[in-house]
Amino acid sequence: MTLVDHLYELRYRLGIALLAIAVGGAFGFWWFAHSWLGVPQLGEIMTRPYCQLPHDLRFSPNGKCQLLQTKPFEAFTLQLKVGVSIGAVLLSPVWLYQIWAFITPGLYRRERRLAGTFVVLASVLFVAGAVLAYFVVPAGLTFMASFGGGSFFMALSGGDYINFVLLMLVIFGVSFELPLVVVMLNRAGLVSYARLKGWWRGIVFALFVFAAVATPGGDPFSMLALALTLSALFGGALLVCRRQDRSKELDPVGVDEPSQLDTSPSTLDTTPAEVSRSDLGDDAT
């Protein structure tokens, strides 16, 4: 394909990806205020961690668990933001496939298989991190709301709460990609299992520091949940790296790598002066 053909292909793939995100956002916007097939409303799912706070710690003006709207059209903006975010996650196989279809022609067969595995595992790890964050949020909110000796209650605005929850989901989801990055770096030969094993104490300490800084709530529950889970995932990544290094030792030449050939010139047993005229044939001059 020429450069212009590649640009047309990129435009086509991006168009389909954006269309998928738009369709998913429209569905998420509708789902925010409607239930379907027994699934509760998306708004109810998002506010459930806040509603799990004790009644004496949260504001319930109408006898129901609700968030404050402090700006005009804030509810519409938040509904649109949450709908687009959830829709992009639900239809992620569509736009991830478009990215995959664009880069696939330039890869070897083995690289295509590894890249496909990478995309699937990355999606699973991100969802797992987001699910963990969703269940950690209530504990973090309860811990932060418990200060003040009963002199305060928590009346969160919709914007502050939704942004906090979405940020927690993104931070946990992206952080869960760490073991996959470590495995891919080891696969590429940039870091070995022996080196990672020697660095494991420093890496675990860095994970705890990262968890303390990255968690927006600052509560110990979120920090410990993220740090301990990342440490466990890093341990699993070490086991995979050890297996990969052992396989490289058994088969040092990959499928897509050239064999080592001896290109040095060989020596002749006889010199040109020793070659007789009869050996050259009747046509020799």
Protein backbone atom coordinates (compact mmCIF):
# COMPACT_ATOMS: atom_id res chain seq x y z
CA MET A 1 0.00 0.00 0.00
CA THR A 2 1.13 3.54 -0.74
CA LEU A 3 1.25 6.29 1.88
CA VAL A 4 -2.04 7.72 0.60
CA ASP A 5 -3.68 4.28 0.83
CA HIS A 6 -2.45 3.96 4.42
CA LEU A 7 -3.97 7.35 5.25
CA TYR A 8 -7.29 6.32 3.72
CA GLU A 9 -7.15 3.08 5.70
CA LEU A 10 -6.40 5.01 8.91
CA ARG A 11 -9.32 7.36 8.26
CA TYR A 12 -11.65 4.42 7.69
CA ARG A 13 -10.55 2.62 10.86
CA LEU A 14 -10.77 5.77 13.00
CA GLY A 15 -14.22 6.51 11.61
CA ILE A 16 -15.55 3.10 12.60
CA ALA A 17 -13.90 3.36 16.03
CA LEU A 18 -15.43 6.79 16.69
CA LEU A 19 -18.81 5.57 15.46
CA ALA A 20 -18.64 2.63 17.88
CA ILE A 21 -17.79 4.98 20.77
CA ALA A 22 -20.67 7.27 19.78
CA VAL A 23 -23.13 4.35 19.66
CA GLY A 24 -21.86 3.07 23.00
CA GLY A 25 -22.13 6.57 24.47
CA ALA A 26 -25.73 6.90 23.30
CA PHE A 27 -26.56 3.55 24.88
CA GLY A 28 -24.78 4.51 28.10
CA PHE A 29 -26.63 7.84 28.21
CA TRP A 30 -29.95 5.99 27.90
CA TRP A 31 -28.89 3.31 30.40
CA PHE A 32 -28.07 5.96 33.01
CA ALA A 33 -31.77 6.57 33.65
CA HIS A 34 -33.32 3.26 32.48
CA SER A 35 -32.99 -0.36 33.53
CA TRP A 36 -33.03 -3.23 31.05
CA LEU A 37 -33.21 -7.04 31.27
CA GLY A 38 -33.10 -6.91 35.05
CA VAL A 39 -29.95 -4.77 35.07
CA PRO A 40 -30.36 -1.71 37.33
CA GLN A 41 -29.93 1.82 36.06
CA LEU A 42 -26.38 2.98 35.44
CA GLY A 43 -26.98 5.98 37.69
CA GLU A 44 -27.96 3.63 40.51
CA ILE A 45 -24.82 1.55 39.93
CA MET A 46 -22.61 4.63 40.04
CA THR A 47 -24.17 6.05 43.21
CA ARG A 48 -24.31 2.73 45.06
CA PRO A 49 -20.87 3.17 46.74
CA TYR A 50 -22.01 6.54 48.08
CA CYS A 51 -25.36 5.11 49.19
CA GLN A 52 -23.57 2.43 51.21
CA LEU A 53 -22.44 5.10 53.66
CA PRO A 54 -24.27 5.04 57.01
CA HIS A 55 -27.39 7.24 57.04
CA ASP A 56 -25.93 9.54 59.69
CA LEU A 57 -22.90 10.27 57.52
CA ARG A 58 -24.58 11.24 54.24
CA PHE A 59 -27.16 13.82 53.22
CA SER A 60 -30.61 12.41 52.35
CA PRO A 61 -32.92 15.37 51.70
CA ASN A 62 -35.86 13.38 50.29
CA GLY A 63 -35.38 10.24 52.26
CA LYS A 64 -33.46 8.83 49.28
CA CYS A 65 -29.79 8.61 48.44
CA GLN A 66 -29.12 11.45 45.97
CA LEU A 67 -26.26 13.66 44.87
CA LEU A 68 -26.31 17.44 44.76
CA GLN A 69 -26.57 19.36 41.51
CA THR A 70 -24.84 22.69 42.10
CA LYS A 71 -24.61 23.98 38.51
CA PRO A 72 -27.08 24.31 35.64
CA PHE A 73 -27.07 21.29 33.31
CA GLU A 74 -24.59 19.52 35.62
CA ALA A 75 -26.74 16.39 35.69
CA PHE A 76 -26.88 16.30 31.87
CA THR A 77 -23.12 16.74 31.59
CA LEU A 78 -22.42 14.01 34.12
CA GLN A 79 -24.89 11.64 32.51
CA LEU A 80 -23.22 12.21 29.15
CA LYS A 81 -19.72 11.74 30.62
CA VAL A 82 -20.61 8.51 32.37
CA GLY A 83 -22.54 7.23 29.34
CA VAL A 84 -19.64 7.81 26.95
CA SER A 85 -17.15 6.25 29.37
CA ILE A 86 -19.21 3.12 29.95
CA GLY A 87 -20.17 2.89 26.28
CA ALA A 88 -16.52 3.04 25.24
CA VAL A 89 -15.73 0.19 27.63
CA LEU A 90 -18.68 -1.95 26.47
CA LEU A 91 -17.82 -1.54 22.78
CA SER A 92 -14.06 -1.68 23.31
CA PRO A 93 -13.79 -4.92 21.26
CA VAL A 94 -15.02 -2.97 18.21
CA TRP A 95 -12.58 -0.05 18.32
CA LEU A 96 -9.72 -2.25 19.57
CA TYR A 97 -10.31 -4.50 16.56
CA GLN A 98 -10.04 -1.47 14.26
CA ILE A 99 -6.66 -0.59 15.73
CA TRP A 100 -5.68 -4.23 15.46
CA ALA A 101 -6.80 -4.47 11.82
CA PHE A 102 -4.74 -1.40 10.92
CA ILE A 103 -1.44 -2.65 12.36
CA THR A 104 -1.84 -6.36 11.55
CA PRO A 105 -0.57 -6.25 7.90
CA GLY A 106 2.83 -5.03 9.11
CA LEU A 107 3.38 -7.87 11.58
CA TYR A 108 4.72 -11.38 11.30
CA ARG A 109 2.38 -14.27 12.07
CA ARG A 110 3.96 -14.80 15.48
CA GLU A 111 3.77 -11.09 16.26
CA ARG A 112 0.08 -11.04 15.30
CA ARG A 113 -0.62 -13.87 17.71
CA LEU A 114 1.26 -12.14 20.53
CA ALA A 115 -0.39 -8.79 19.83
CA GLY A 116 -3.83 -10.38 19.87
CA THR A 117 -3.07 -12.01 23.22
CA PHE A 118 -1.79 -8.67 24.50
CA VAL A 119 -5.03 -6.87 23.56
CA VAL A 120 -7.24 -9.52 25.18
CA LEU A 121 -5.22 -9.64 28.41
CA ALA A 122 -5.02 -5.85 28.58
CA SER A 123 -8.81 -5.58 28.36
CA VAL A 124 -9.34 -8.25 31.02
CA LEU A 125 -6.82 -6.66 33.40
CA PHE A 126 -8.31 -3.20 32.96
CA VAL A 127 -11.82 -4.47 33.74
CA ALA A 128 -10.50 -6.40 36.76
CA GLY A 129 -8.85 -3.26 38.11
CA ALA A 130 -11.98 -1.19 37.59
CA VAL A 131 -14.11 -3.80 39.38
CA LEU A 132 -11.73 -3.82 42.34
CA ALA A 133 -11.85 -0.02 42.53
CA TYR A 134 -15.64 -0.09 42.50
CA PHE A 135 -15.73 -2.33 45.57
CA VAL A 136 -12.98 -0.35 47.34
CA VAL A 137 -14.69 3.05 46.97
CA PRO A 138 -17.34 2.48 49.71
CA ALA A 139 -14.68 1.57 52.29
CA GLY A 140 -12.63 4.63 51.36
CA LEU A 141 -15.63 6.96 51.56
CA THR A 142 -16.68 5.54 54.93
CA PHE A 143 -13.18 6.03 56.30
CA MET A 144 -12.97 9.64 55.11
CA ALA A 145 -16.49 10.46 56.32
CA SER A 146 -15.85 9.04 59.77
CA PHE A 147 -13.63 11.95 60.80
CA GLY A 148 -15.06 14.90 62.69
CA GLY A 149 -16.59 13.06 65.61
CA GLY A 150 -20.13 13.22 64.21
CA SER A 151 -20.03 16.97 63.60
CA PHE A 152 -20.19 16.60 59.82
CA PHE A 153 -22.10 14.68 57.20
CA MET A 154 -21.10 14.08 53.59
CA ALA A 155 -23.11 15.97 50.97
CA LEU A 156 -21.16 15.39 47.78
CA SER A 157 -21.99 17.20 44.59
CA GLY A 158 -22.60 15.08 41.53
CA GLY A 159 -19.51 16.41 39.74
CA ASP A 160 -17.11 15.75 42.62
CA TYR A 161 -18.41 12.27 43.29
CA ILE A 162 -18.64 11.08 39.67
CA ASN A 163 -15.19 12.44 38.85
CA PHE A 164 -13.80 10.73 41.95
CA VAL A 165 -15.32 7.36 41.03
CA LEU A 166 -14.26 7.56 37.37
CA LEU A 167 -10.73 8.55 38.39
CA MET A 168 -10.53 5.59 40.75
CA LEU A 169 -11.72 3.22 38.01
CA VAL A 170 -9.17 4.56 35.52
CA ILE A 171 -6.25 4.53 37.98
CA PHE A 172 -6.92 0.97 39.11
CA GLY A 173 -7.56 -0.21 35.55
CA VAL A 174 -4.39 1.32 34.12
CA SER A 175 -2.31 0.15 37.11
CA PHE A 176 -3.38 -3.42 36.48
CA GLU A 177 -1.56 -3.28 33.13
CA LEU A 178 1.79 -3.35 34.99
CA PRO A 179 2.35 -7.13 34.87
CA LEU A 180 1.52 -7.23 31.18
CA VAL A 181 4.05 -4.45 30.47
CA VAL A 182 6.71 -6.34 32.45
CA VAL A 183 6.04 -9.56 30.52
CA MET A 184 6.18 -7.76 27.15
CA LEU A 185 9.48 -6.04 28.07
CA ASN A 186 10.90 -9.41 29.02
CA ARG A 187 9.57 -10.90 25.79
CA ALA A 188 11.33 -8.18 23.81
CA GLY A 189 14.60 -8.92 25.60
CA LEU A 190 14.83 -5.53 27.32
CA VAL A 191 14.81 -6.93 30.86
CA SER A 192 15.57 -10.43 32.13
CA TYR A 193 14.03 -12.51 34.87
CA ALA A 194 17.29 -12.52 36.83
CA ARG A 195 17.41 -8.73 36.86
CA LEU A 196 13.75 -8.42 37.86
CA LYS A 197 14.29 -10.96 40.64
CA GLY A 198 17.20 -8.90 41.95
CA TRP A 199 15.08 -5.74 41.90
CA TRP A 200 11.92 -7.20 43.47
CA ARG A 201 12.33 -5.45 46.87
CA GLY A 202 12.77 -2.05 45.30
CA ILE A 203 9.91 -2.66 42.86
CA VAL A 204 7.50 -3.68 45.63
CA PHE A 205 8.46 -0.60 47.64
CA ALA A 206 7.90 1.56 44.55
CA LEU A 207 4.47 -0.04 44.08
CA PHE A 208 3.44 0.93 47.60
CA VAL A 209 4.69 4.49 47.05
CA PHE A 210 2.83 4.66 43.73
CA ALA A 211 -0.38 3.40 45.36
CA ALA A 212 -0.12 6.02 48.10
CA VAL A 213 0.32 8.82 45.55
CA ALA A 214 -2.06 7.59 42.83
CA THR A 215 -5.17 6.89 44.89
CA PRO A 216 -7.17 10.14 44.86
CA GLY A 217 -8.96 9.51 48.16
CA GLY A 218 -5.82 9.12 50.24
CA ASP A 219 -7.46 6.50 52.45
CA PRO A 220 -5.48 3.43 53.59
CA PHE A 221 -8.04 0.96 52.21
CA SER A 222 -7.62 2.08 48.60
CA MET A 223 -3.85 2.33 48.96
CA LEU A 224 -3.42 -1.13 50.48
CA ALA A 225 -5.85 -2.75 48.04
CA LEU A 226 -4.00 -1.32 45.04
CA ALA A 227 -0.49 -1.95 46.42
CA LEU A 228 -1.10 -5.53 47.54
CA THR A 229 -2.86 -6.46 44.30
CA LEU A 230 -0.11 -4.94 42.17
CA SER A 231 2.51 -6.80 44.21
CA ALA A 232 0.66 -10.07 43.63
CA LEU A 233 0.36 -9.35 39.91
CA PHE A 234 4.07 -8.50 39.74
CA GLY A 235 4.84 -11.86 41.36
CA GLY A 236 2.77 -13.60 38.70
CA ALA A 237 4.60 -11.63 36.00
CA LEU A 238 7.92 -12.83 37.44
CA LEU A 239 6.83 -16.45 37.02
CA VAL A 240 5.89 -15.82 33.39
CA CYS A 241 9.23 -14.08 32.76
CA ARG A 242 11.13 -17.04 34.23
CA ARG A 243 9.30 -19.41 31.92
CA GLN A 244 9.98 -17.19 28.91
CA ASP A 245 13.70 -16.95 29.69
CA ARG A 246 13.94 -20.73 30.03
CA SER A 247 12.21 -21.21 26.68
CA LYS A 248 14.67 -18.78 25.08
CA GLU A 249 17.56 -20.84 26.42
CA LEU A 250 16.11 -24.00 24.92
CA ASP A 251 15.28 -22.37 21.56
CA PRO A 252 17.57 -19.35 21.10
CA VAL A 253 16.50 -18.83 17.48
CA GLY A 254 12.92 -17.64 17.04
CA VAL A 255 10.58 -18.45 14.18
CA ASP A 256 10.95 -15.04 12.57
CA GLU A 257 14.69 -14.65 13.25
CA PRO A 258 17.37 -15.55 10.67
CA SER A 259 19.65 -18.49 11.31
CA GLN A 260 23.30 -17.87 12.09
CA LEU A 261 25.22 -18.60 8.88
CA ASP A 262 28.97 -18.83 8.45
CA THR A 263 29.80 -16.24 5.77
CA SER A 264 33.60 -16.44 6.04
CA PRO A 265 35.32 -17.52 2.74
CA SER A 266 36.68 -21.04 2.52
CA THR A 267 40.27 -21.83 1.47
CA LEU A 268 41.20 -23.69 -1.73
CA ASP A 269 43.23 -26.86 -1.53
CA THR A 270 45.18 -26.02 -4.73
CA THR A 271 46.61 -22.82 -6.12
CA PRO A 272 45.85 -21.58 -9.64
CA ALA A 273 49.36 -22.55 -10.76
CA GLU A 274 48.75 -26.15 -9.85
CA VAL A 275 45.61 -26.41 -11.97
CA SER A 276 46.57 -28.22 -15.17
CA ARG A 277 45.34 -27.35 -18.61
CA SER A 278 43.56 -30.68 -18.86
CA ASP A 279 41.55 -29.95 -15.73
CA LEU A 280 40.18 -26.80 -17.28
CA GLY A 281 38.87 -28.61 -20.39
CA ASP A 282 39.46 -28.21 -24.11
CA ASP A 283 37.98 -24.73 -24.24
CA ALA A 284 40.55 -23.24 -21.85
CA THR A 285 42.75 -20.54 -23.35
